[in-house]
N, C-alpha and C. Protein backbone atom coordinates (compact mmCIF):
# COMPACT_ATOMS: atom_id res chain seq x y z
N MET A 1 -26.81 24.49 -113.34
CA MET A 1 -26.22 23.50 -112.47
C MET A 1 -26.89 22.21 -112.83
N ASP A 2 -26.19 21.28 -113.11
CA ASP A 2 -26.94 19.88 -113.21
C ASP A 2 -26.72 19.21 -111.73
N PHE A 3 -28.03 18.83 -111.37
CA PHE A 3 -28.25 18.22 -110.17
C PHE A 3 -28.31 16.71 -110.21
N SER A 4 -27.62 16.11 -111.09
CA SER A 4 -27.58 14.66 -111.22
C SER A 4 -26.20 14.16 -110.89
N THR A 5 -25.18 14.94 -110.53
CA THR A 5 -23.84 14.57 -110.36
C THR A 5 -23.66 14.54 -108.76
N LEU A 6 -22.40 13.81 -108.62
CA LEU A 6 -21.74 13.67 -107.12
C LEU A 6 -21.40 15.17 -106.80
N GLU A 7 -20.84 15.87 -107.83
CA GLU A 7 -20.42 17.18 -107.68
C GLU A 7 -21.36 18.26 -107.07
N SER A 8 -22.69 17.96 -107.51
CA SER A 8 -23.80 18.76 -107.06
C SER A 8 -24.25 18.27 -105.69
N TRP A 9 -24.56 17.07 -105.41
CA TRP A 9 -25.23 16.54 -104.41
C TRP A 9 -24.15 16.26 -103.20
N GLY A 10 -22.99 16.21 -103.65
CA GLY A 10 -21.91 15.80 -102.57
C GLY A 10 -21.75 16.74 -101.65
N TYR A 11 -21.76 18.13 -102.07
CA TYR A 11 -21.69 19.13 -100.85
C TYR A 11 -22.81 19.18 -99.90
N LEU A 12 -24.06 18.96 -100.51
CA LEU A 12 -25.33 18.85 -99.83
C LEU A 12 -25.16 17.71 -98.70
N ALA A 13 -24.65 16.52 -99.32
CA ALA A 13 -24.60 15.38 -98.29
C ALA A 13 -23.49 15.70 -97.28
N ILE A 14 -22.45 16.19 -97.50
CA ILE A 14 -21.47 16.58 -96.80
C ILE A 14 -21.92 17.60 -95.61
N ALA A 15 -22.69 18.45 -96.03
CA ALA A 15 -23.22 19.40 -95.00
C ALA A 15 -24.34 18.73 -94.13
N PHE A 16 -25.18 17.87 -94.80
CA PHE A 16 -26.05 17.17 -93.99
C PHE A 16 -25.53 16.22 -92.93
N PHE A 17 -24.58 15.45 -93.36
CA PHE A 17 -24.02 14.44 -92.20
C PHE A 17 -23.10 15.09 -91.37
N SER A 18 -22.31 16.25 -91.92
CA SER A 18 -21.51 17.04 -90.82
C SER A 18 -22.33 17.76 -89.77
N PHE A 19 -23.52 18.06 -90.16
CA PHE A 19 -24.43 18.71 -89.12
C PHE A 19 -24.56 17.92 -88.01
N GLY A 20 -24.61 16.37 -88.18
CA GLY A 20 -24.68 15.33 -87.13
C GLY A 20 -23.31 15.05 -86.58
N GLY A 21 -22.24 15.59 -87.20
CA GLY A 21 -20.92 15.49 -86.51
C GLY A 21 -20.03 14.16 -87.03
N SER A 22 -20.55 13.66 -88.28
CA SER A 22 -20.03 12.52 -88.77
C SER A 22 -18.48 12.59 -89.27
N LEU A 23 -17.64 11.97 -88.78
CA LEU A 23 -16.19 12.11 -89.11
C LEU A 23 -16.01 11.27 -90.55
N VAL A 24 -16.82 10.23 -90.75
CA VAL A 24 -16.85 9.33 -91.81
C VAL A 24 -17.24 10.09 -93.06
N ILE A 25 -18.06 10.99 -93.15
CA ILE A 25 -18.29 11.76 -94.15
C ILE A 25 -17.28 12.74 -94.61
N VAL A 26 -16.58 13.28 -93.61
CA VAL A 26 -15.35 14.15 -93.82
C VAL A 26 -14.23 13.39 -94.56
N ALA A 27 -13.93 12.19 -93.79
CA ALA A 27 -12.94 11.46 -94.51
C ALA A 27 -13.27 10.73 -95.84
N THR A 28 -14.72 10.56 -96.37
CA THR A 28 -15.07 10.19 -97.64
C THR A 28 -14.94 11.34 -98.56
N ALA A 29 -15.27 12.52 -98.08
CA ALA A 29 -15.14 13.91 -98.96
C ALA A 29 -13.73 13.94 -99.24
N ALA A 30 -12.79 13.80 -98.31
CA ALA A 30 -11.54 13.93 -98.68
C ALA A 30 -11.14 12.95 -99.86
N VAL A 31 -11.44 11.73 -99.75
CA VAL A 31 -11.01 10.75 -100.69
C VAL A 31 -11.62 11.18 -101.94
N PHE A 32 -12.91 11.61 -102.09
CA PHE A 32 -13.45 12.09 -103.31
C PHE A 32 -12.76 13.15 -103.88
N ALA A 33 -12.39 14.12 -103.11
CA ALA A 33 -11.48 15.25 -103.50
C ALA A 33 -10.28 14.71 -103.95
N TYR A 34 -9.46 13.76 -103.49
CA TYR A 34 -8.20 13.25 -103.92
C TYR A 34 -8.50 12.68 -105.30
N LEU A 35 -9.65 12.07 -105.52
CA LEU A 35 -9.95 11.39 -106.86
C LEU A 35 -10.29 12.49 -107.94
N GLY A 36 -10.63 13.64 -107.37
CA GLY A 36 -10.91 14.79 -108.33
C GLY A 36 -12.34 14.96 -108.55
N HIS A 37 -13.20 14.45 -107.93
CA HIS A 37 -14.64 14.53 -107.97
C HIS A 37 -15.21 15.91 -107.14
N ILE A 38 -14.56 16.33 -106.33
CA ILE A 38 -15.08 17.63 -105.62
C ILE A 38 -13.82 18.29 -105.09
N ASP A 39 -13.92 19.55 -104.82
CA ASP A 39 -12.85 20.43 -104.27
C ASP A 39 -12.59 20.26 -102.87
N LEU A 40 -11.52 20.11 -102.54
CA LEU A 40 -11.12 19.69 -100.99
C LEU A 40 -11.52 20.78 -100.11
N ILE A 41 -11.00 21.92 -100.40
CA ILE A 41 -11.24 23.11 -99.38
C ILE A 41 -12.61 23.33 -99.38
N THR A 42 -13.58 23.36 -100.46
CA THR A 42 -14.80 23.79 -100.39
C THR A 42 -15.51 22.76 -99.54
N ALA A 43 -15.21 21.31 -99.87
CA ALA A 43 -15.73 20.39 -98.86
C ALA A 43 -15.52 20.47 -97.54
N LEU A 44 -14.34 20.76 -97.23
CA LEU A 44 -13.86 20.90 -95.63
C LEU A 44 -14.49 21.99 -94.94
N VAL A 45 -14.71 23.17 -95.80
CA VAL A 45 -15.22 24.37 -95.21
C VAL A 45 -16.89 24.11 -95.08
N VAL A 46 -17.45 23.49 -96.04
CA VAL A 46 -18.82 23.14 -95.90
C VAL A 46 -19.10 22.31 -94.69
N ALA A 47 -18.18 21.23 -94.37
CA ALA A 47 -18.38 20.31 -93.39
C ALA A 47 -18.18 21.07 -91.99
N ALA A 48 -17.09 21.94 -91.89
CA ALA A 48 -16.80 22.58 -90.75
C ALA A 48 -17.95 23.51 -90.28
N ILE A 49 -18.58 24.20 -91.32
CA ILE A 49 -19.48 25.06 -90.91
C ILE A 49 -20.95 24.34 -90.59
N ALA A 50 -21.15 23.22 -91.19
CA ALA A 50 -22.21 22.39 -90.75
C ALA A 50 -22.14 21.75 -89.44
N ASN A 51 -20.87 21.39 -89.10
CA ASN A 51 -20.47 20.81 -87.73
C ASN A 51 -20.73 21.79 -86.75
N PHE A 52 -20.26 22.92 -87.18
CA PHE A 52 -20.43 24.19 -86.07
C PHE A 52 -21.87 24.44 -85.79
N LEU A 53 -22.63 24.55 -86.87
CA LEU A 53 -23.94 24.74 -86.76
C LEU A 53 -24.69 23.72 -86.01
N GLY A 54 -24.33 22.30 -86.24
CA GLY A 54 -24.91 21.04 -85.54
C GLY A 54 -24.70 21.33 -84.03
N ASP A 55 -23.62 21.62 -83.59
CA ASP A 55 -23.27 21.58 -82.24
C ASP A 55 -23.95 22.80 -81.60
N ASN A 56 -24.02 23.90 -82.25
CA ASN A 56 -24.74 25.07 -81.53
C ASN A 56 -26.21 24.70 -81.60
N PHE A 57 -26.66 23.94 -82.53
CA PHE A 57 -28.20 23.60 -82.44
C PHE A 57 -28.42 22.64 -81.20
N LEU A 58 -27.44 21.79 -80.77
CA LEU A 58 -27.64 20.92 -79.79
C LEU A 58 -27.62 21.47 -78.48
N PHE A 59 -26.57 22.49 -78.40
CA PHE A 59 -26.38 23.51 -77.29
C PHE A 59 -27.76 24.25 -76.99
N TYR A 60 -28.24 24.77 -78.12
CA TYR A 60 -29.64 25.49 -77.95
C TYR A 60 -30.52 24.61 -77.41
N LEU A 61 -30.66 23.44 -78.00
CA LEU A 61 -31.73 22.46 -77.40
C LEU A 61 -31.44 22.07 -75.92
N GLY A 62 -30.25 22.11 -75.45
CA GLY A 62 -30.01 21.72 -73.98
C GLY A 62 -30.37 22.86 -73.36
N LYS A 63 -30.16 24.20 -73.75
CA LYS A 63 -30.36 25.33 -73.06
C LYS A 63 -31.76 25.74 -72.82
N TYR A 64 -32.64 25.65 -73.94
CA TYR A 64 -33.80 26.25 -74.15
C TYR A 64 -34.99 25.17 -74.28
N GLN A 65 -34.65 23.91 -74.49
CA GLN A 65 -35.57 22.88 -74.70
C GLN A 65 -35.39 21.71 -73.83
N LYS A 66 -35.07 22.02 -72.62
CA LYS A 66 -34.61 20.85 -71.61
C LYS A 66 -35.90 19.95 -71.37
N LYS A 67 -37.04 20.32 -71.35
CA LYS A 67 -38.22 19.45 -70.99
C LYS A 67 -38.24 18.33 -72.07
N ASP A 68 -38.12 18.93 -73.47
CA ASP A 68 -38.19 18.06 -74.64
C ASP A 68 -37.19 17.04 -74.82
N ILE A 69 -36.00 17.50 -74.30
CA ILE A 69 -34.84 16.52 -74.74
C ILE A 69 -34.60 15.61 -73.31
N ALA A 70 -35.08 15.81 -72.27
CA ALA A 70 -34.72 15.11 -71.04
C ALA A 70 -35.34 13.68 -71.32
N LYS A 71 -36.36 13.38 -71.80
CA LYS A 71 -36.71 11.93 -72.08
C LYS A 71 -35.71 11.11 -72.71
N TYR A 72 -35.01 11.80 -73.64
CA TYR A 72 -34.15 11.20 -74.62
C TYR A 72 -32.63 10.87 -73.78
N LEU A 73 -32.49 11.68 -72.70
CA LEU A 73 -31.19 11.60 -72.11
C LEU A 73 -31.21 10.63 -70.84
N THR A 74 -32.44 10.03 -70.47
CA THR A 74 -32.50 9.20 -69.31
C THR A 74 -31.93 7.95 -69.62
N LYS A 75 -31.94 7.67 -70.97
CA LYS A 75 -31.14 6.22 -71.33
C LYS A 75 -29.63 6.25 -71.32
N HIS A 76 -29.19 7.48 -71.20
CA HIS A 76 -27.72 7.67 -71.41
C HIS A 76 -26.96 8.37 -70.32
N LYS A 77 -27.48 7.79 -69.00
CA LYS A 77 -26.97 8.25 -67.75
C LYS A 77 -25.53 8.05 -67.61
N ARG A 78 -24.99 6.89 -67.91
CA ARG A 78 -23.61 6.64 -67.86
C ARG A 78 -22.72 7.50 -68.82
N LYS A 79 -23.28 7.55 -70.03
CA LYS A 79 -22.46 8.59 -70.82
C LYS A 79 -22.63 10.10 -70.39
N LEU A 80 -23.69 10.38 -69.86
CA LEU A 80 -23.78 11.73 -69.19
C LEU A 80 -22.84 11.98 -68.11
N ALA A 81 -22.56 10.88 -67.33
CA ALA A 81 -21.66 11.01 -66.14
C ALA A 81 -20.21 11.23 -66.79
N ILE A 82 -19.90 10.44 -67.81
CA ILE A 82 -18.70 10.64 -68.38
C ILE A 82 -18.49 11.99 -69.00
N THR A 83 -19.53 12.56 -69.64
CA THR A 83 -19.33 13.85 -70.20
C THR A 83 -19.25 14.85 -69.24
N ARG A 84 -19.91 14.81 -67.96
CA ARG A 84 -19.64 15.69 -66.93
C ARG A 84 -18.29 15.58 -66.37
N LEU A 85 -17.74 14.47 -66.33
CA LEU A 85 -16.38 14.30 -65.90
C LEU A 85 -15.28 14.78 -66.85
N LEU A 86 -15.63 14.77 -68.22
CA LEU A 86 -14.75 15.37 -69.21
C LEU A 86 -14.83 16.91 -69.06
N MET A 87 -16.00 17.51 -68.81
CA MET A 87 -16.14 18.84 -68.77
C MET A 87 -15.50 19.34 -67.57
N ARG A 88 -15.57 18.74 -66.33
CA ARG A 88 -14.90 19.19 -65.24
C ARG A 88 -13.34 19.20 -65.36
N LYS A 89 -12.99 18.06 -65.93
CA LYS A 89 -11.53 17.82 -66.02
C LYS A 89 -10.93 18.95 -66.94
N TYR A 90 -11.55 18.95 -68.15
CA TYR A 90 -10.88 19.85 -69.22
C TYR A 90 -11.40 21.08 -69.54
N GLY A 91 -12.50 21.39 -68.91
CA GLY A 91 -13.22 22.70 -69.31
C GLY A 91 -13.67 22.83 -70.72
N ALA A 92 -13.14 24.13 -71.17
CA ALA A 92 -13.51 24.51 -72.59
C ALA A 92 -12.75 23.61 -73.65
N PHE A 93 -11.74 23.11 -73.14
CA PHE A 93 -10.91 22.03 -73.89
C PHE A 93 -11.75 20.85 -74.22
N ALA A 94 -12.84 20.55 -73.55
CA ALA A 94 -13.80 19.45 -73.78
C ALA A 94 -14.49 19.54 -75.22
N ILE A 95 -14.71 20.86 -75.43
CA ILE A 95 -15.27 21.11 -76.66
C ILE A 95 -14.52 20.53 -77.91
N PHE A 96 -13.25 20.82 -77.84
CA PHE A 96 -12.31 20.16 -78.82
C PHE A 96 -12.09 18.85 -78.85
N ILE A 97 -11.95 18.06 -77.49
CA ILE A 97 -11.89 16.74 -77.48
C ILE A 97 -12.97 15.94 -77.90
N GLN A 98 -14.24 16.61 -77.67
CA GLN A 98 -15.62 15.79 -77.83
C GLN A 98 -15.80 15.42 -79.37
N LYS A 99 -15.34 16.40 -80.14
CA LYS A 99 -15.44 16.21 -81.64
C LYS A 99 -14.86 14.81 -82.15
N PHE A 100 -13.80 14.25 -81.32
CA PHE A 100 -13.29 13.09 -81.82
C PHE A 100 -13.59 11.98 -81.12
N ILE A 101 -14.41 11.96 -79.97
CA ILE A 101 -14.91 10.74 -79.27
C ILE A 101 -16.26 10.39 -79.76
N TYR A 102 -16.55 9.42 -80.37
CA TYR A 102 -17.76 8.96 -80.90
C TYR A 102 -18.52 8.40 -79.70
N GLY A 103 -19.77 8.81 -79.56
CA GLY A 103 -20.65 8.37 -78.46
C GLY A 103 -20.95 9.51 -77.51
N VAL A 104 -19.88 10.49 -77.23
CA VAL A 104 -20.27 11.53 -76.31
C VAL A 104 -20.21 12.86 -77.15
N LYS A 105 -19.94 12.75 -78.56
CA LYS A 105 -19.84 14.16 -79.22
C LYS A 105 -21.32 14.75 -79.29
N THR A 106 -22.29 14.05 -79.21
CA THR A 106 -23.66 14.70 -79.15
C THR A 106 -23.81 15.23 -77.87
N LEU A 107 -23.39 14.53 -76.87
CA LEU A 107 -23.87 14.99 -75.42
C LEU A 107 -23.14 16.19 -74.82
N ILE A 108 -21.85 16.43 -75.24
CA ILE A 108 -21.13 17.52 -74.60
C ILE A 108 -21.90 18.79 -74.83
N PRO A 109 -22.47 19.13 -75.91
CA PRO A 109 -23.07 20.42 -76.18
C PRO A 109 -24.20 20.57 -75.36
N ILE A 110 -25.05 19.34 -75.20
CA ILE A 110 -26.16 19.44 -74.39
C ILE A 110 -25.73 19.47 -72.90
N VAL A 111 -25.01 18.81 -72.33
CA VAL A 111 -24.56 18.81 -71.07
C VAL A 111 -23.93 20.20 -70.85
N MET A 112 -23.28 20.78 -71.61
CA MET A 112 -22.71 22.05 -71.21
C MET A 112 -23.70 23.15 -71.21
N ALA A 113 -24.82 23.25 -72.05
CA ALA A 113 -25.96 23.95 -71.94
C ALA A 113 -26.68 23.70 -70.51
N LEU A 114 -26.83 22.40 -70.33
CA LEU A 114 -27.53 21.97 -68.93
C LEU A 114 -26.86 22.41 -67.87
N SER A 115 -25.58 22.66 -67.89
CA SER A 115 -24.75 23.05 -66.81
C SER A 115 -24.58 24.65 -66.86
N HIS A 116 -25.41 25.26 -67.62
CA HIS A 116 -25.30 26.73 -67.76
C HIS A 116 -24.08 27.34 -68.21
N TYR A 117 -23.45 26.70 -69.00
CA TYR A 117 -22.30 27.17 -69.74
C TYR A 117 -22.63 28.45 -70.62
N ASP A 118 -21.76 29.34 -70.68
CA ASP A 118 -22.13 30.63 -71.40
C ASP A 118 -22.22 30.24 -72.99
N PHE A 119 -23.33 30.56 -73.60
CA PHE A 119 -23.60 30.37 -74.96
C PHE A 119 -22.56 30.99 -75.87
N LYS A 120 -22.19 32.23 -75.60
CA LYS A 120 -21.29 32.95 -76.21
C LYS A 120 -19.90 32.36 -76.42
N LYS A 121 -19.42 31.83 -75.19
CA LYS A 121 -18.25 31.20 -74.97
C LYS A 121 -18.13 29.84 -75.87
N PHE A 122 -19.41 29.09 -75.78
CA PHE A 122 -19.44 27.91 -76.51
C PHE A 122 -19.34 28.20 -77.98
N ILE A 123 -20.04 29.16 -78.49
CA ILE A 123 -20.04 29.46 -79.91
C ILE A 123 -18.59 29.83 -80.19
N PHE A 124 -17.84 30.66 -79.48
CA PHE A 124 -16.46 30.92 -79.88
C PHE A 124 -15.57 29.69 -79.92
N PHE A 125 -15.53 28.93 -78.92
CA PHE A 125 -14.66 27.64 -78.86
C PHE A 125 -15.12 26.59 -80.00
N ASN A 126 -16.46 26.43 -80.08
CA ASN A 126 -16.86 25.60 -81.02
C ASN A 126 -16.53 26.01 -82.41
N PHE A 127 -16.56 27.15 -82.81
CA PHE A 127 -16.11 27.58 -84.07
C PHE A 127 -14.71 26.99 -84.51
N PHE A 128 -13.63 27.12 -83.60
CA PHE A 128 -12.33 26.68 -83.70
C PHE A 128 -12.32 25.32 -83.72
N ALA A 129 -13.05 24.51 -82.77
CA ALA A 129 -12.99 23.20 -82.74
C ALA A 129 -13.57 22.58 -84.00
N SER A 130 -14.51 23.14 -84.62
CA SER A 130 -15.18 22.44 -85.74
C SER A 130 -14.21 22.44 -86.87
N PHE A 131 -13.50 23.69 -87.06
CA PHE A 131 -12.45 23.79 -88.17
C PHE A 131 -11.31 22.87 -87.87
N ILE A 132 -10.90 22.86 -86.64
CA ILE A 132 -9.64 21.90 -86.33
C ILE A 132 -10.06 20.55 -86.53
N PHE A 133 -11.31 20.16 -86.12
CA PHE A 133 -11.69 18.65 -86.33
C PHE A 133 -11.81 18.13 -87.78
N VAL A 134 -12.67 19.24 -88.39
CA VAL A 134 -12.76 18.86 -89.97
C VAL A 134 -11.45 18.64 -90.78
N PHE A 135 -10.65 19.76 -90.55
CA PHE A 135 -9.40 19.89 -91.27
C PHE A 135 -8.41 18.68 -90.89
N THR A 136 -8.36 18.36 -89.55
CA THR A 136 -7.57 17.10 -89.13
C THR A 136 -7.94 15.98 -89.77
N ILE A 137 -9.22 15.58 -89.82
CA ILE A 137 -9.85 14.44 -90.46
C ILE A 137 -9.69 14.47 -91.82
N GLY A 138 -10.07 15.58 -92.45
CA GLY A 138 -10.07 15.81 -93.84
C GLY A 138 -8.68 15.74 -94.44
N LEU A 139 -7.84 16.49 -93.93
CA LEU A 139 -6.47 16.43 -94.59
C LEU A 139 -5.67 15.09 -94.24
N SER A 140 -5.77 14.59 -93.09
CA SER A 140 -5.28 13.14 -92.86
C SER A 140 -5.93 12.13 -93.87
N SER A 141 -7.25 12.13 -94.09
CA SER A 141 -7.71 11.09 -95.16
C SER A 141 -7.29 11.62 -96.61
N TYR A 142 -6.99 12.89 -96.89
CA TYR A 142 -6.59 13.31 -98.21
C TYR A 142 -5.25 12.66 -98.47
N PHE A 143 -4.23 12.93 -97.48
CA PHE A 143 -3.09 12.61 -97.74
C PHE A 143 -2.86 11.01 -97.54
N PHE A 144 -3.77 10.18 -97.12
CA PHE A 144 -3.76 8.79 -96.89
C PHE A 144 -4.68 8.18 -97.98
N SER A 145 -5.34 9.13 -99.01
CA SER A 145 -6.26 8.60 -99.70
C SER A 145 -5.76 7.19 -100.50
N ASP A 146 -4.49 7.52 -101.08
CA ASP A 146 -4.03 6.37 -101.89
C ASP A 146 -4.06 4.86 -101.23
N PHE A 147 -3.66 5.12 -99.81
CA PHE A 147 -3.69 3.95 -98.84
C PHE A 147 -5.10 3.42 -98.84
N ILE A 148 -5.98 4.28 -98.38
CA ILE A 148 -7.30 3.99 -98.30
C ILE A 148 -8.00 3.31 -99.43
N ILE A 149 -7.81 3.75 -100.71
CA ILE A 149 -8.22 3.38 -101.93
C ILE A 149 -7.65 2.08 -102.18
N ARG A 150 -6.33 1.75 -102.05
CA ARG A 150 -5.84 0.47 -102.19
C ARG A 150 -6.49 -0.54 -101.17
N ALA A 151 -6.74 -0.09 -99.88
CA ALA A 151 -7.22 -1.01 -98.88
C ALA A 151 -8.56 -1.43 -99.18
N PHE A 152 -9.50 -0.52 -99.89
CA PHE A 152 -10.71 -0.86 -100.25
C PHE A 152 -10.62 -1.92 -101.48
N GLU A 153 -9.86 -1.85 -102.38
CA GLU A 153 -9.63 -2.51 -103.51
C GLU A 153 -9.24 -3.92 -102.97
N TYR A 154 -8.43 -4.02 -102.05
CA TYR A 154 -7.91 -5.34 -101.35
C TYR A 154 -9.14 -5.99 -100.68
N LEU A 155 -9.84 -5.31 -100.05
CA LEU A 155 -11.05 -5.82 -99.41
C LEU A 155 -12.04 -6.26 -100.38
N LYS A 156 -12.16 -5.60 -101.31
CA LYS A 156 -13.16 -5.94 -102.71
C LYS A 156 -12.89 -7.52 -102.99
N ASP A 157 -11.58 -7.67 -103.17
CA ASP A 157 -10.93 -9.09 -103.61
C ASP A 157 -11.22 -10.11 -102.39
N LYS A 158 -11.05 -9.66 -101.26
CA LYS A 158 -11.19 -10.70 -100.17
C LYS A 158 -12.26 -10.17 -99.08
N PRO A 159 -13.49 -10.24 -99.49
CA PRO A 159 -14.54 -9.72 -98.64
C PRO A 159 -14.70 -10.31 -97.32
N TYR A 160 -14.16 -11.48 -96.90
CA TYR A 160 -14.33 -12.04 -95.62
C TYR A 160 -13.40 -11.31 -94.75
N ILE A 161 -12.40 -10.51 -95.21
CA ILE A 161 -11.48 -9.93 -94.08
C ILE A 161 -12.19 -8.68 -93.56
N ALA A 162 -13.10 -7.88 -94.18
CA ALA A 162 -13.63 -6.81 -93.74
C ALA A 162 -14.48 -6.91 -92.31
N PRO A 163 -15.30 -8.06 -92.32
CA PRO A 163 -16.00 -8.29 -90.90
C PRO A 163 -14.92 -8.51 -89.73
N LEU A 164 -14.01 -9.25 -90.14
CA LEU A 164 -12.75 -9.38 -89.11
C LEU A 164 -12.25 -8.18 -88.69
N ILE A 165 -11.73 -7.36 -89.53
CA ILE A 165 -11.24 -6.00 -89.15
C ILE A 165 -12.15 -5.32 -88.55
N LEU A 166 -13.53 -5.19 -88.93
CA LEU A 166 -14.47 -4.48 -88.08
C LEU A 166 -14.71 -4.98 -86.64
N VAL A 167 -14.71 -6.25 -86.57
CA VAL A 167 -14.80 -6.89 -84.94
C VAL A 167 -13.59 -6.50 -84.42
N VAL A 168 -12.35 -6.38 -84.81
CA VAL A 168 -11.20 -6.16 -84.19
C VAL A 168 -11.21 -4.67 -83.67
N ILE A 169 -11.63 -3.81 -84.67
CA ILE A 169 -11.80 -2.31 -84.20
C ILE A 169 -12.79 -2.04 -83.27
N VAL A 170 -13.87 -2.64 -83.34
CA VAL A 170 -14.98 -2.57 -82.39
C VAL A 170 -14.60 -3.04 -81.07
N GLY A 171 -13.91 -4.33 -81.08
CA GLY A 171 -13.24 -4.76 -79.79
C GLY A 171 -12.41 -3.83 -79.12
N ILE A 172 -11.38 -3.14 -79.86
CA ILE A 172 -10.40 -2.38 -79.40
C ILE A 172 -11.14 -0.97 -78.91
N ILE A 173 -12.14 -0.56 -79.45
CA ILE A 173 -12.88 0.81 -78.99
C ILE A 173 -13.53 0.25 -77.59
N TRP A 174 -14.27 -0.79 -77.71
CA TRP A 174 -14.93 -1.36 -76.44
C TRP A 174 -14.17 -1.42 -75.38
N GLN A 175 -12.86 -2.08 -75.60
CA GLN A 175 -11.94 -2.10 -74.42
C GLN A 175 -11.49 -0.88 -73.87
N TYR A 176 -11.21 0.07 -74.78
CA TYR A 176 -10.71 1.37 -74.27
C TYR A 176 -11.94 2.24 -73.71
N LEU A 177 -13.07 2.15 -74.11
CA LEU A 177 -14.15 2.78 -73.66
C LEU A 177 -14.53 2.28 -72.11
N SER A 178 -14.51 1.03 -71.91
CA SER A 178 -14.54 0.26 -70.76
C SER A 178 -13.54 0.57 -69.79
N LYS A 179 -12.33 0.69 -70.28
CA LYS A 179 -11.23 1.24 -69.34
C LYS A 179 -11.35 2.64 -68.87
N VAL A 180 -11.85 3.56 -70.01
CA VAL A 180 -12.06 4.87 -69.53
C VAL A 180 -13.32 4.92 -68.55
N GLU A 181 -14.50 4.20 -68.74
CA GLU A 181 -15.45 4.33 -67.95
C GLU A 181 -15.23 3.88 -66.44
N ARG A 182 -14.49 2.93 -66.17
CA ARG A 182 -13.89 2.36 -65.12
C ARG A 182 -13.10 3.56 -64.11
N LYS A 183 -12.45 4.26 -64.90
CA LYS A 183 -11.67 5.22 -64.43
C LYS A 183 -12.52 6.20 -63.62
């Protein structure tokens, strides 16, 4: 196997970044699959398994390494409160929801562990949530790859538009999260 190509290192990169829950890498992998550089199903399965393992690792840390992670959680009291509310309101369904919410996706497994949620139940729900998350993002990106590629080509010709779009997207997310926090 030649380890100097995207095809070789791409799956390793997908696994590494999916372990941390990155939806950007899943979308990027789908676009690369659309371009024929990697296999779509293999990339999505690798991403789903790595995502599953990453959240199980976070749950493990919350359950068995409380003292070690407590110092990192003190800075995120507001996010922890939102996470607890999500868990109280949605229960096991929070495992599915958290995958799509940037900012709390890392905290849900930890908070569930701290609240003595059953590890076996978490593993069961997390398995399905990981595959649903990865395949939803991956297949959506794959089918919209042509649009994504054209958008990047357009932005390459007019680079001043990208920061404006980024500011608008961040502003919308900020407004939404502020509204959710106030509730």
